[in-house]
Amino acid sequence: MTLTIILLGAAALIGIGLYGALSQQSFVMLMMGLELMLNGALLAIIGFWSLSLGGMPEGQLLAILVMAVMAIEMAIGFALIVAIYRKRQADMTESIGTLKQ
C-alpha cells in the first residue's frame, strides 16, 4: 500500500465522521461520528509512521496517545449522555434547550 491510499482512506473516515457528527440528532450517533473522525486521524498517523518514518518508536507512542484520548473522550462523553438522560429524559440534541437548570 502506498501512503496516498492510506491518506485517502483516512480522509474518507474523517469526512464520513464529520457528516455523521453534524447531521445526526441522537447523542450516540454524534459520538460515533466523533469516533470515526478520531479513527481517521489515527489511520493517518499510523500511515505516516509506517511508510515515511521507517517505523521509528515515536510514531507508535503518538498512536497509543491518540487511542488513549479516544478512550477517555468516549468514557466522558457517554457519562455526560447518561447524566443528561437521567436529569432531563432527553436523548436527542434538540430536546435540550439549555444546559442551565
Protein backbone atom coordinates (compact mmCIF):
# COMPACT_ATOMS: atom_id res chain seq x y z
CA MET A 1 0.00 0.00 0.00
CA THR A 2 1.12 3.48 -0.68
CA LEU A 3 0.85 6.48 1.59
CA THR A 4 -1.61 8.10 -0.81
CA ILE A 5 -4.12 5.25 -0.49
CA ILE A 6 -3.85 5.26 3.29
CA LEU A 7 -4.34 9.03 3.45
CA LEU A 8 -7.33 8.83 1.13
CA GLY A 9 -8.87 6.23 3.44
CA ALA A 10 -8.15 8.46 6.44
CA ALA A 11 -9.72 11.44 4.68
CA ALA A 12 -12.79 9.35 3.86
CA LEU A 13 -13.16 8.32 7.51
CA ILE A 14 -12.80 11.91 8.66
CA GLY A 15 -15.35 13.09 6.08
CA ILE A 16 -17.89 10.41 6.98
CA GLY A 17 -17.38 11.14 10.67
CA LEU A 18 -17.81 14.87 10.14
CA TYR A 19 -21.03 14.31 8.21
CA GLY A 20 -22.28 11.94 10.91
CA ALA A 21 -21.42 14.33 13.73
CA LEU A 22 -23.07 17.32 12.06
CA SER A 23 -26.19 15.68 10.66
CA GLN A 24 -27.38 13.43 13.48
CA GLN A 25 -29.63 14.43 16.34
CA SER A 26 -29.01 11.46 18.62
CA PHE A 27 -26.23 11.80 21.18
CA VAL A 28 -24.97 8.29 20.47
CA MET A 29 -24.74 8.90 16.73
CA LEU A 30 -22.94 12.19 17.41
CA MET A 31 -20.38 10.33 19.50
CA MET A 32 -19.97 7.71 16.76
CA GLY A 33 -19.22 10.47 14.25
CA LEU A 34 -16.57 11.88 16.55
CA GLU A 35 -15.09 8.42 16.98
CA LEU A 36 -14.88 7.97 13.20
CA MET A 37 -13.03 11.26 12.86
CA LEU A 38 -10.53 10.21 15.51
CA ASN A 39 -10.08 6.83 13.78
CA GLY A 40 -9.33 8.66 10.53
CA ALA A 41 -6.71 10.77 12.28
CA LEU A 42 -5.23 7.64 13.84
CA LEU A 43 -5.06 5.94 10.44
CA ALA A 44 -3.22 8.94 9.01
CA ILE A 45 -0.77 8.95 11.92
CA ILE A 46 -0.06 5.25 11.56
CA GLY A 47 0.30 5.60 7.79
CA PHE A 48 2.84 8.39 8.16
CA TRP A 49 4.64 6.46 10.86
CA SER A 50 4.96 3.20 8.97
CA LEU A 51 5.63 4.48 5.47
CA SER A 52 7.61 7.67 5.88
CA LEU A 53 9.40 7.46 9.21
CA GLY A 54 10.58 3.89 8.76
CA GLY A 55 8.86 2.56 11.87
CA MET A 56 10.54 4.76 14.47
CA PRO A 57 9.12 4.37 18.02
CA GLU A 58 7.85 7.96 18.18
CA GLY A 59 5.03 7.09 15.79
CA GLN A 60 3.93 4.20 17.97
CA LEU A 61 3.87 6.46 21.01
CA LEU A 62 1.74 9.02 19.17
CA ALA A 63 -0.70 6.33 18.04
CA ILE A 64 -1.03 4.99 21.59
CA LEU A 65 -1.59 8.53 22.84
CA VAL A 66 -4.38 9.08 20.29
CA MET A 67 -6.01 5.77 21.28
CA ALA A 68 -5.90 6.79 24.94
CA VAL A 69 -7.50 10.14 24.11
CA MET A 70 -10.21 8.31 22.13
CA ALA A 71 -11.00 6.05 25.07
CA ILE A 72 -11.14 8.96 27.53
CA GLU A 73 -13.30 11.01 25.16
CA MET A 74 -15.78 8.17 24.76
CA ALA A 75 -15.96 7.49 28.50
CA ILE A 76 -16.55 11.14 29.38
CA GLY A 77 -18.99 11.62 26.50
CA PHE A 78 -21.13 8.65 27.40
CA ALA A 79 -21.07 9.64 31.09
CA LEU A 80 -22.40 13.07 30.10
CA ILE A 81 -25.05 11.49 27.91
CA VAL A 82 -26.23 9.26 30.76
CA ALA A 83 -26.27 12.21 33.18
CA ILE A 84 -28.33 14.34 30.76
CA TYR A 85 -30.73 11.48 30.14
CA ARG A 86 -31.23 10.86 33.84
CA LYS A 87 -31.77 14.55 34.59
CA ARG A 88 -33.90 15.62 31.61
CA GLN A 89 -35.09 12.37 29.96
CA ALA A 90 -33.66 13.77 26.72
CA ASP A 91 -31.95 11.54 24.18
CA MET A 92 -31.87 13.97 21.24
CA THR A 93 -29.79 17.11 20.92
CA GLU A 94 -32.76 19.32 20.06
CA SER A 95 -34.76 18.31 23.15
CA ILE A 96 -32.31 20.14 25.41
CA GLY A 97 -33.00 23.88 25.30
CA THR A 98 -30.13 24.83 27.53
CA LEU A 99 -27.81 23.14 29.98
CA LYS A 100 -28.69 25.59 32.75
CA GLN A 101 -31.10 24.40 35.42
